[in-house]
């Protein structure tokens, strides 16, 4: 059973990484047109992001670099930290603005949480209080 979960998380990491590389390169190169937002509030939100002129290029670089880290199985914990806020925003967007609580956003969040659980020892360092180092010489 342990081997099954190992291979499942391996596959999820590859799929998750590939999805973010695809999404990041699309934000930078515009080779695929995603479906238009369905609700008026999601249309306004997406127009605001696009109108800023810098959010999508920044997200493109962030997604591409993080996705490549995941695909290469290097700096996985760093990639997950870099993707934490965007994953929550994507989940919230689909749950609140598109009224799809049980859709793509939830799947993305669950995969993220599974990968983060696998990296819990490494990520746990972020939750430890910092020690105060004396600089007396």
N, C-alpha and C. Protein backbone atom coordinates (compact mmCIF):
# COMPACT_ATOMS: atom_id res chain seq x y z
N UNK A 1 0.82 -1.20 0.00
CA UNK A 1 0.00 0.00 0.00
C UNK A 1 0.87 1.26 0.00
N UNK A 2 1.99 1.21 0.73
CA UNK A 2 2.89 2.35 0.79
C UNK A 2 3.46 2.65 -0.60
N UNK A 3 3.78 1.60 -1.35
CA UNK A 3 4.30 1.78 -2.71
C UNK A 3 3.25 2.44 -3.61
N UNK A 4 1.99 2.07 -3.41
CA UNK A 4 0.92 2.67 -4.22
C UNK A 4 0.87 4.18 -3.99
N UNK A 5 0.90 4.61 -2.74
CA UNK A 5 0.85 6.05 -2.45
C UNK A 5 2.10 6.77 -2.93
N UNK A 6 3.24 6.09 -2.87
CA UNK A 6 4.46 6.69 -3.40
C UNK A 6 4.30 6.98 -4.89
N UNK A 7 3.82 6.00 -5.64
CA UNK A 7 3.65 6.18 -7.09
C UNK A 7 2.52 7.15 -7.40
N UNK A 8 1.47 7.15 -6.57
CA UNK A 8 0.37 8.10 -6.78
C UNK A 8 0.88 9.53 -6.61
N UNK A 9 1.63 9.77 -5.55
CA UNK A 9 2.16 11.12 -5.32
C UNK A 9 3.18 11.50 -6.40
N UNK A 10 3.94 10.53 -6.88
CA UNK A 10 4.87 10.78 -7.98
C UNK A 10 4.10 11.26 -9.21
N UNK A 11 3.03 10.54 -9.55
CA UNK A 11 2.21 10.91 -10.72
C UNK A 11 1.53 12.26 -10.50
N UNK A 12 1.00 12.49 -9.31
CA UNK A 12 0.35 13.77 -9.03
C UNK A 12 1.33 14.92 -9.14
N UNK A 13 2.57 14.72 -8.66
CA UNK A 13 3.58 15.78 -8.76
C UNK A 13 3.89 16.10 -10.21
N UNK A 14 4.00 15.08 -11.04
CA UNK A 14 4.28 15.30 -12.46
C UNK A 14 3.11 16.01 -13.16
N UNK A 15 1.90 15.57 -12.89
CA UNK A 15 0.73 16.19 -13.51
C UNK A 15 0.58 17.64 -13.03
N UNK A 16 0.74 17.84 -11.74
CA UNK A 16 0.64 19.18 -11.15
C UNK A 16 1.71 20.09 -11.75
N UNK A 17 2.94 19.60 -11.82
CA UNK A 17 4.03 20.39 -12.40
C UNK A 17 3.79 20.70 -13.86
N UNK A 18 3.34 19.70 -14.63
CA UNK A 18 3.08 19.91 -16.06
C UNK A 18 1.95 20.92 -16.26
N UNK A 19 0.93 20.85 -15.42
CA UNK A 19 -0.18 21.80 -15.53
C UNK A 19 0.31 23.23 -15.30
N UNK A 20 1.17 23.41 -14.30
CA UNK A 20 1.67 24.76 -14.02
C UNK A 20 2.65 25.24 -15.08
N UNK A 21 3.44 24.35 -15.66
CA UNK A 21 4.31 24.76 -16.77
C UNK A 21 3.45 25.20 -17.95
N UNK A 22 2.42 24.41 -18.27
CA UNK A 22 1.51 24.77 -19.36
C UNK A 22 0.83 26.12 -19.09
N UNK A 23 0.27 26.28 -17.88
CA UNK A 23 -0.42 27.53 -17.54
C UNK A 23 0.54 28.71 -17.55
N UNK A 24 1.74 28.51 -17.06
CA UNK A 24 2.73 29.59 -17.03
C UNK A 24 3.17 30.01 -18.41
N UNK A 25 3.48 29.02 -19.25
CA UNK A 25 3.88 29.36 -20.62
C UNK A 25 2.73 30.00 -21.38
N UNK A 26 1.51 29.58 -21.10
CA UNK A 26 0.36 30.20 -21.75
C UNK A 26 0.19 31.65 -21.31
N UNK A 27 0.43 31.93 -20.03
CA UNK A 27 0.37 33.33 -19.57
C UNK A 27 1.42 34.19 -20.25
N UNK A 28 2.55 33.59 -20.61
CA UNK A 28 3.62 34.34 -21.25
C UNK A 28 3.50 34.40 -22.77
N UNK A 29 3.05 33.31 -23.38
CA UNK A 29 3.07 33.21 -24.84
C UNK A 29 1.69 33.24 -25.50
N UNK A 30 0.64 33.08 -24.74
CA UNK A 30 -0.75 33.19 -25.23
C UNK A 30 -1.05 32.25 -26.40
N UNK A 31 -0.77 30.97 -26.25
CA UNK A 31 -1.02 30.00 -27.32
C UNK A 31 -2.36 29.28 -27.17
N UNK A 32 -3.04 29.43 -26.04
CA UNK A 32 -4.34 28.79 -25.82
C UNK A 32 -5.26 29.78 -25.12
N UNK A 33 -6.46 29.89 -25.60
CA UNK A 33 -7.44 30.80 -24.99
C UNK A 33 -8.31 30.02 -24.00
N UNK A 34 -8.16 30.27 -22.69
CA UNK A 34 -9.00 29.56 -21.72
C UNK A 34 -10.45 29.98 -21.87
N UNK A 35 -11.36 29.17 -21.35
CA UNK A 35 -12.78 29.53 -21.42
C UNK A 35 -13.05 30.88 -20.76
N UNK A 36 -13.97 31.61 -21.31
CA UNK A 36 -14.33 32.92 -20.76
C UNK A 36 -14.99 32.76 -19.39
N UNK A 37 -14.78 33.71 -18.50
CA UNK A 37 -15.45 33.66 -17.20
C UNK A 37 -16.96 33.64 -17.37
N UNK A 38 -17.64 32.90 -16.50
CA UNK A 38 -19.07 32.68 -16.64
C UNK A 38 -19.94 33.74 -15.97
N UNK A 39 -19.53 34.22 -14.82
CA UNK A 39 -20.37 35.13 -14.05
C UNK A 39 -19.88 36.57 -14.20
N UNK A 40 -20.76 37.54 -13.98
CA UNK A 40 -20.33 38.95 -14.10
C UNK A 40 -19.17 39.31 -13.16
N UNK A 41 -19.22 38.82 -11.91
CA UNK A 41 -18.14 39.16 -10.97
C UNK A 41 -16.81 38.53 -11.39
N UNK A 42 -16.85 37.33 -11.97
CA UNK A 42 -15.59 36.71 -12.42
C UNK A 42 -15.06 37.42 -13.67
N UNK A 43 -15.95 37.95 -14.50
CA UNK A 43 -15.52 38.72 -15.67
C UNK A 43 -14.80 39.99 -15.24
N UNK A 44 -15.37 40.68 -14.25
CA UNK A 44 -14.75 41.91 -13.75
C UNK A 44 -13.38 41.59 -13.12
N UNK A 45 -13.33 40.51 -12.36
CA UNK A 45 -12.07 40.11 -11.71
C UNK A 45 -10.99 39.84 -12.76
N UNK A 46 -11.31 39.04 -13.77
CA UNK A 46 -10.33 38.69 -14.79
C UNK A 46 -9.94 39.91 -15.63
N UNK A 47 -10.89 40.81 -15.91
CA UNK A 47 -10.57 42.03 -16.64
C UNK A 47 -9.62 42.90 -15.83
N UNK A 48 -9.81 42.93 -14.52
CA UNK A 48 -8.91 43.70 -13.66
C UNK A 48 -7.50 43.14 -13.68
N UNK A 49 -7.39 41.81 -13.60
CA UNK A 49 -6.07 41.19 -13.66
C UNK A 49 -5.39 41.47 -14.99
N UNK A 50 -6.14 41.27 -16.07
CA UNK A 50 -5.57 41.50 -17.41
C UNK A 50 -5.24 42.98 -17.61
N UNK A 51 -6.10 43.85 -17.11
CA UNK A 51 -5.89 45.28 -17.28
C UNK A 51 -4.69 45.82 -16.54
N UNK A 52 -4.25 45.12 -15.51
CA UNK A 52 -3.09 45.60 -14.76
C UNK A 52 -1.82 45.53 -15.61
N UNK A 53 -1.78 44.59 -16.54
CA UNK A 53 -0.64 44.48 -17.43
C UNK A 53 0.57 43.75 -16.88
N UNK A 54 0.59 43.46 -15.59
CA UNK A 54 1.76 42.79 -15.05
C UNK A 54 1.44 41.49 -14.30
N UNK A 55 0.21 41.29 -13.88
CA UNK A 55 -0.11 40.10 -13.09
C UNK A 55 0.12 38.82 -13.88
N UNK A 56 -0.39 38.75 -15.11
CA UNK A 56 -0.25 37.50 -15.87
C UNK A 56 1.20 37.19 -16.24
N UNK A 57 2.02 38.16 -16.63
CA UNK A 57 3.44 37.82 -16.84
C UNK A 57 4.14 37.34 -15.56
N UNK A 58 3.84 37.97 -14.44
CA UNK A 58 4.45 37.55 -13.17
C UNK A 58 3.99 36.13 -12.83
N UNK A 59 2.68 35.88 -12.97
CA UNK A 59 2.18 34.54 -12.71
C UNK A 59 2.78 33.54 -13.70
N UNK A 60 2.96 33.95 -14.94
CA UNK A 60 3.56 33.07 -15.94
C UNK A 60 4.94 32.60 -15.54
N UNK A 61 5.76 33.53 -15.08
CA UNK A 61 7.11 33.16 -14.63
C UNK A 61 7.02 32.28 -13.38
N UNK A 62 6.20 32.68 -12.42
CA UNK A 62 6.05 31.92 -11.18
C UNK A 62 5.57 30.50 -11.46
N UNK A 63 4.54 30.35 -12.28
CA UNK A 63 4.00 29.03 -12.61
C UNK A 63 5.03 28.18 -13.35
N UNK A 64 5.70 28.78 -14.32
CA UNK A 64 6.66 28.01 -15.13
C UNK A 64 7.82 27.53 -14.28
N UNK A 65 8.40 28.40 -13.48
CA UNK A 65 9.54 28.02 -12.64
C UNK A 65 9.11 26.97 -11.62
N UNK A 66 7.99 27.19 -10.95
CA UNK A 66 7.51 26.23 -9.95
C UNK A 66 7.20 24.88 -10.59
N UNK A 67 6.54 24.91 -11.74
CA UNK A 67 6.21 23.67 -12.43
C UNK A 67 7.46 22.91 -12.85
N UNK A 68 8.48 23.62 -13.32
CA UNK A 68 9.73 22.96 -13.69
C UNK A 68 10.42 22.36 -12.47
N UNK A 69 10.37 23.06 -11.33
CA UNK A 69 10.92 22.49 -10.09
C UNK A 69 10.21 21.18 -9.75
N UNK A 70 8.88 21.17 -9.86
CA UNK A 70 8.12 19.97 -9.55
C UNK A 70 8.44 18.84 -10.52
N UNK A 71 8.53 19.15 -11.80
CA UNK A 71 8.84 18.13 -12.80
C UNK A 71 10.24 17.55 -12.59
N UNK A 72 11.18 18.39 -12.21
CA UNK A 72 12.56 17.95 -12.02
C UNK A 72 12.77 17.30 -10.65
N UNK A 73 11.76 17.37 -9.79
CA UNK A 73 11.85 16.86 -8.43
C UNK A 73 13.00 17.53 -7.67
N UNK A 74 13.18 18.80 -7.92
CA UNK A 74 14.18 19.62 -7.24
C UNK A 74 13.47 20.84 -6.65
N UNK A 75 13.85 21.21 -5.45
CA UNK A 75 13.26 22.37 -4.78
C UNK A 75 11.74 22.25 -4.71
N UNK A 76 11.24 21.04 -4.45
CA UNK A 76 9.80 20.79 -4.43
C UNK A 76 9.14 21.62 -3.34
N UNK A 77 9.73 21.65 -2.15
CA UNK A 77 9.14 22.44 -1.07
C UNK A 77 9.09 23.92 -1.43
N UNK A 78 10.14 24.43 -2.05
CA UNK A 78 10.14 25.83 -2.50
C UNK A 78 9.04 26.06 -3.53
N UNK A 79 8.89 25.16 -4.47
CA UNK A 79 7.84 25.29 -5.48
C UNK A 79 6.46 25.32 -4.82
N UNK A 80 6.26 24.49 -3.82
CA UNK A 80 4.96 24.47 -3.14
C UNK A 80 4.72 25.76 -2.36
N UNK A 81 5.76 26.30 -1.76
CA UNK A 81 5.61 27.59 -1.07
C UNK A 81 5.27 28.69 -2.08
N UNK A 82 5.95 28.68 -3.23
CA UNK A 82 5.69 29.68 -4.26
C UNK A 82 4.27 29.57 -4.81
N UNK A 83 3.71 28.37 -4.82
CA UNK A 83 2.38 28.17 -5.40
C UNK A 83 1.25 28.24 -4.36
N UNK A 84 1.57 28.40 -3.09
CA UNK A 84 0.54 28.37 -2.04
C UNK A 84 -0.55 29.43 -2.27
N UNK A 85 -0.15 30.67 -2.40
CA UNK A 85 -1.15 31.74 -2.57
C UNK A 85 -1.93 31.59 -3.89
N UNK A 86 -1.26 31.34 -5.02
CA UNK A 86 -2.05 31.16 -6.26
C UNK A 86 -3.03 30.00 -6.19
N UNK A 87 -2.68 28.90 -5.54
CA UNK A 87 -3.60 27.77 -5.44
C UNK A 87 -4.83 28.17 -4.62
N UNK A 88 -4.63 28.90 -3.53
CA UNK A 88 -5.77 29.35 -2.72
C UNK A 88 -6.64 30.32 -3.52
N UNK A 89 -6.02 31.22 -4.28
CA UNK A 89 -6.78 32.17 -5.09
C UNK A 89 -7.57 31.44 -6.18
N UNK A 90 -6.95 30.45 -6.83
CA UNK A 90 -7.64 29.68 -7.87
C UNK A 90 -8.82 28.94 -7.26
N UNK A 91 -8.61 28.31 -6.11
CA UNK A 91 -9.71 27.62 -5.43
C UNK A 91 -10.82 28.60 -5.09
N UNK A 92 -10.46 29.74 -4.50
CA UNK A 92 -11.47 30.73 -4.13
C UNK A 92 -12.20 31.29 -5.34
N UNK A 93 -11.48 31.51 -6.42
CA UNK A 93 -12.10 32.02 -7.64
C UNK A 93 -13.19 31.06 -8.13
N UNK A 94 -12.85 29.78 -8.23
CA UNK A 94 -13.82 28.81 -8.73
C UNK A 94 -14.95 28.58 -7.74
N UNK A 95 -14.64 28.59 -6.44
CA UNK A 95 -15.66 28.32 -5.43
C UNK A 95 -16.62 29.49 -5.25
N UNK A 96 -16.09 30.71 -5.25
CA UNK A 96 -16.91 31.87 -4.93
C UNK A 96 -17.44 32.56 -6.19
N UNK A 97 -16.57 32.84 -7.13
CA UNK A 97 -16.98 33.64 -8.29
C UNK A 97 -17.64 32.81 -9.38
N UNK A 98 -17.25 31.55 -9.50
CA UNK A 98 -17.82 30.71 -10.54
C UNK A 98 -18.83 29.71 -9.98
N UNK A 99 -19.03 29.72 -8.67
CA UNK A 99 -19.98 28.82 -8.00
C UNK A 99 -19.71 27.35 -8.30
N UNK A 100 -18.43 26.97 -8.35
CA UNK A 100 -18.03 25.58 -8.59
C UNK A 100 -17.19 25.10 -7.41
N UNK A 101 -17.81 24.94 -6.27
CA UNK A 101 -17.08 24.53 -5.07
C UNK A 101 -16.43 23.15 -5.26
N UNK A 102 -17.10 22.26 -5.97
CA UNK A 102 -16.60 20.91 -6.13
C UNK A 102 -15.98 20.69 -7.51
N UNK A 103 -15.33 21.68 -8.05
CA UNK A 103 -14.78 21.58 -9.40
C UNK A 103 -13.27 21.55 -9.43
N UNK A 104 -12.72 22.15 -10.47
CA UNK A 104 -11.28 22.15 -10.72
C UNK A 104 -10.49 22.76 -9.58
N UNK A 105 -11.01 23.81 -9.00
CA UNK A 105 -10.30 24.47 -7.91
C UNK A 105 -10.10 23.55 -6.72
N UNK A 106 -11.11 22.76 -6.40
CA UNK A 106 -11.01 21.83 -5.28
C UNK A 106 -10.00 20.72 -5.59
N UNK A 107 -10.03 20.21 -6.81
CA UNK A 107 -9.07 19.18 -7.21
C UNK A 107 -7.65 19.73 -7.09
N UNK A 108 -7.44 20.93 -7.59
CA UNK A 108 -6.11 21.56 -7.52
C UNK A 108 -5.67 21.72 -6.06
N UNK A 109 -6.58 22.17 -5.20
CA UNK A 109 -6.26 22.34 -3.79
C UNK A 109 -5.93 21.01 -3.13
N UNK A 110 -6.69 19.97 -3.41
CA UNK A 110 -6.44 18.66 -2.81
C UNK A 110 -5.11 18.07 -3.26
N UNK A 111 -4.78 18.21 -4.54
CA UNK A 111 -3.49 17.73 -5.02
C UNK A 111 -2.37 18.51 -4.34
N UNK A 112 -2.54 19.82 -4.25
CA UNK A 112 -1.54 20.66 -3.57
C UNK A 112 -1.34 20.18 -2.13
N UNK A 113 -2.44 19.95 -1.41
CA UNK A 113 -2.33 19.53 -0.02
C UNK A 113 -1.67 18.16 0.12
N UNK A 114 -1.94 17.25 -0.82
CA UNK A 114 -1.29 15.94 -0.80
C UNK A 114 0.21 16.09 -1.00
N UNK A 115 0.61 16.93 -1.94
CA UNK A 115 2.04 17.15 -2.18
C UNK A 115 2.69 17.86 -1.00
N UNK A 116 1.98 18.80 -0.40
CA UNK A 116 2.51 19.50 0.78
C UNK A 116 2.66 18.53 1.95
N UNK A 117 1.71 17.61 2.09
CA UNK A 117 1.80 16.62 3.17
C UNK A 117 3.05 15.76 2.98
N UNK A 118 3.34 15.40 1.75
CA UNK A 118 4.53 14.61 1.46
C UNK A 118 5.80 15.39 1.85
N UNK A 119 5.76 16.71 1.76
CA UNK A 119 6.91 17.56 2.08
C UNK A 119 6.82 18.15 3.48
N UNK A 120 5.98 17.58 4.34
CA UNK A 120 5.70 18.18 5.64
C UNK A 120 6.94 18.36 6.51
N UNK A 121 7.90 17.46 6.43
CA UNK A 121 9.11 17.60 7.25
C UNK A 121 9.90 18.82 6.80
N UNK A 122 10.08 18.96 5.50
CA UNK A 122 10.82 20.11 4.96
C UNK A 122 10.05 21.40 5.21
N UNK A 123 8.74 21.39 4.97
CA UNK A 123 7.94 22.59 5.16
C UNK A 123 7.77 22.94 6.64
N UNK A 124 7.91 21.95 7.50
CA UNK A 124 7.77 22.18 8.93
C UNK A 124 8.78 23.17 9.48
N UNK A 125 9.92 23.29 8.82
CA UNK A 125 10.94 24.26 9.23
C UNK A 125 10.36 25.67 9.21
N UNK A 126 9.45 25.93 8.30
CA UNK A 126 8.86 27.27 8.19
C UNK A 126 7.98 27.61 9.39
N UNK A 127 7.52 26.60 10.10
CA UNK A 127 6.60 26.82 11.21
C UNK A 127 7.30 26.87 12.57
N UNK A 128 8.59 26.65 12.59
CA UNK A 128 9.34 26.72 13.84
C UNK A 128 9.66 28.17 14.16
N UNK A 129 9.56 28.53 15.45
CA UNK A 129 9.95 29.89 15.81
C UNK A 129 11.45 30.09 15.58
N UNK A 130 11.80 31.25 15.12
CA UNK A 130 13.22 31.50 14.87
C UNK A 130 13.94 31.68 16.20
N UNK A 131 15.16 31.20 16.24
CA UNK A 131 15.96 31.38 17.44
C UNK A 131 16.64 32.74 17.37
N UNK A 132 16.81 33.33 18.51
CA UNK A 132 17.46 34.64 18.57
C UNK A 132 18.95 34.41 18.72
N UNK A 133 19.68 34.82 17.73
CA UNK A 133 21.13 34.66 17.74
C UNK A 133 21.75 35.96 18.19
N UNK A 134 22.59 35.85 19.16
CA UNK A 134 23.28 37.04 19.66
C UNK A 134 24.38 37.46 18.71
N UNK A 135 24.49 38.74 18.47
CA UNK A 135 25.53 39.26 17.56
C UNK A 135 26.62 39.99 18.36
N UNK A 136 26.73 39.64 19.64
CA UNK A 136 27.77 40.29 20.46
C UNK A 136 29.13 39.76 20.06
N UNK A 137 30.07 40.62 19.94
CA UNK A 137 31.38 40.21 19.46
C UNK A 137 32.42 40.41 20.41
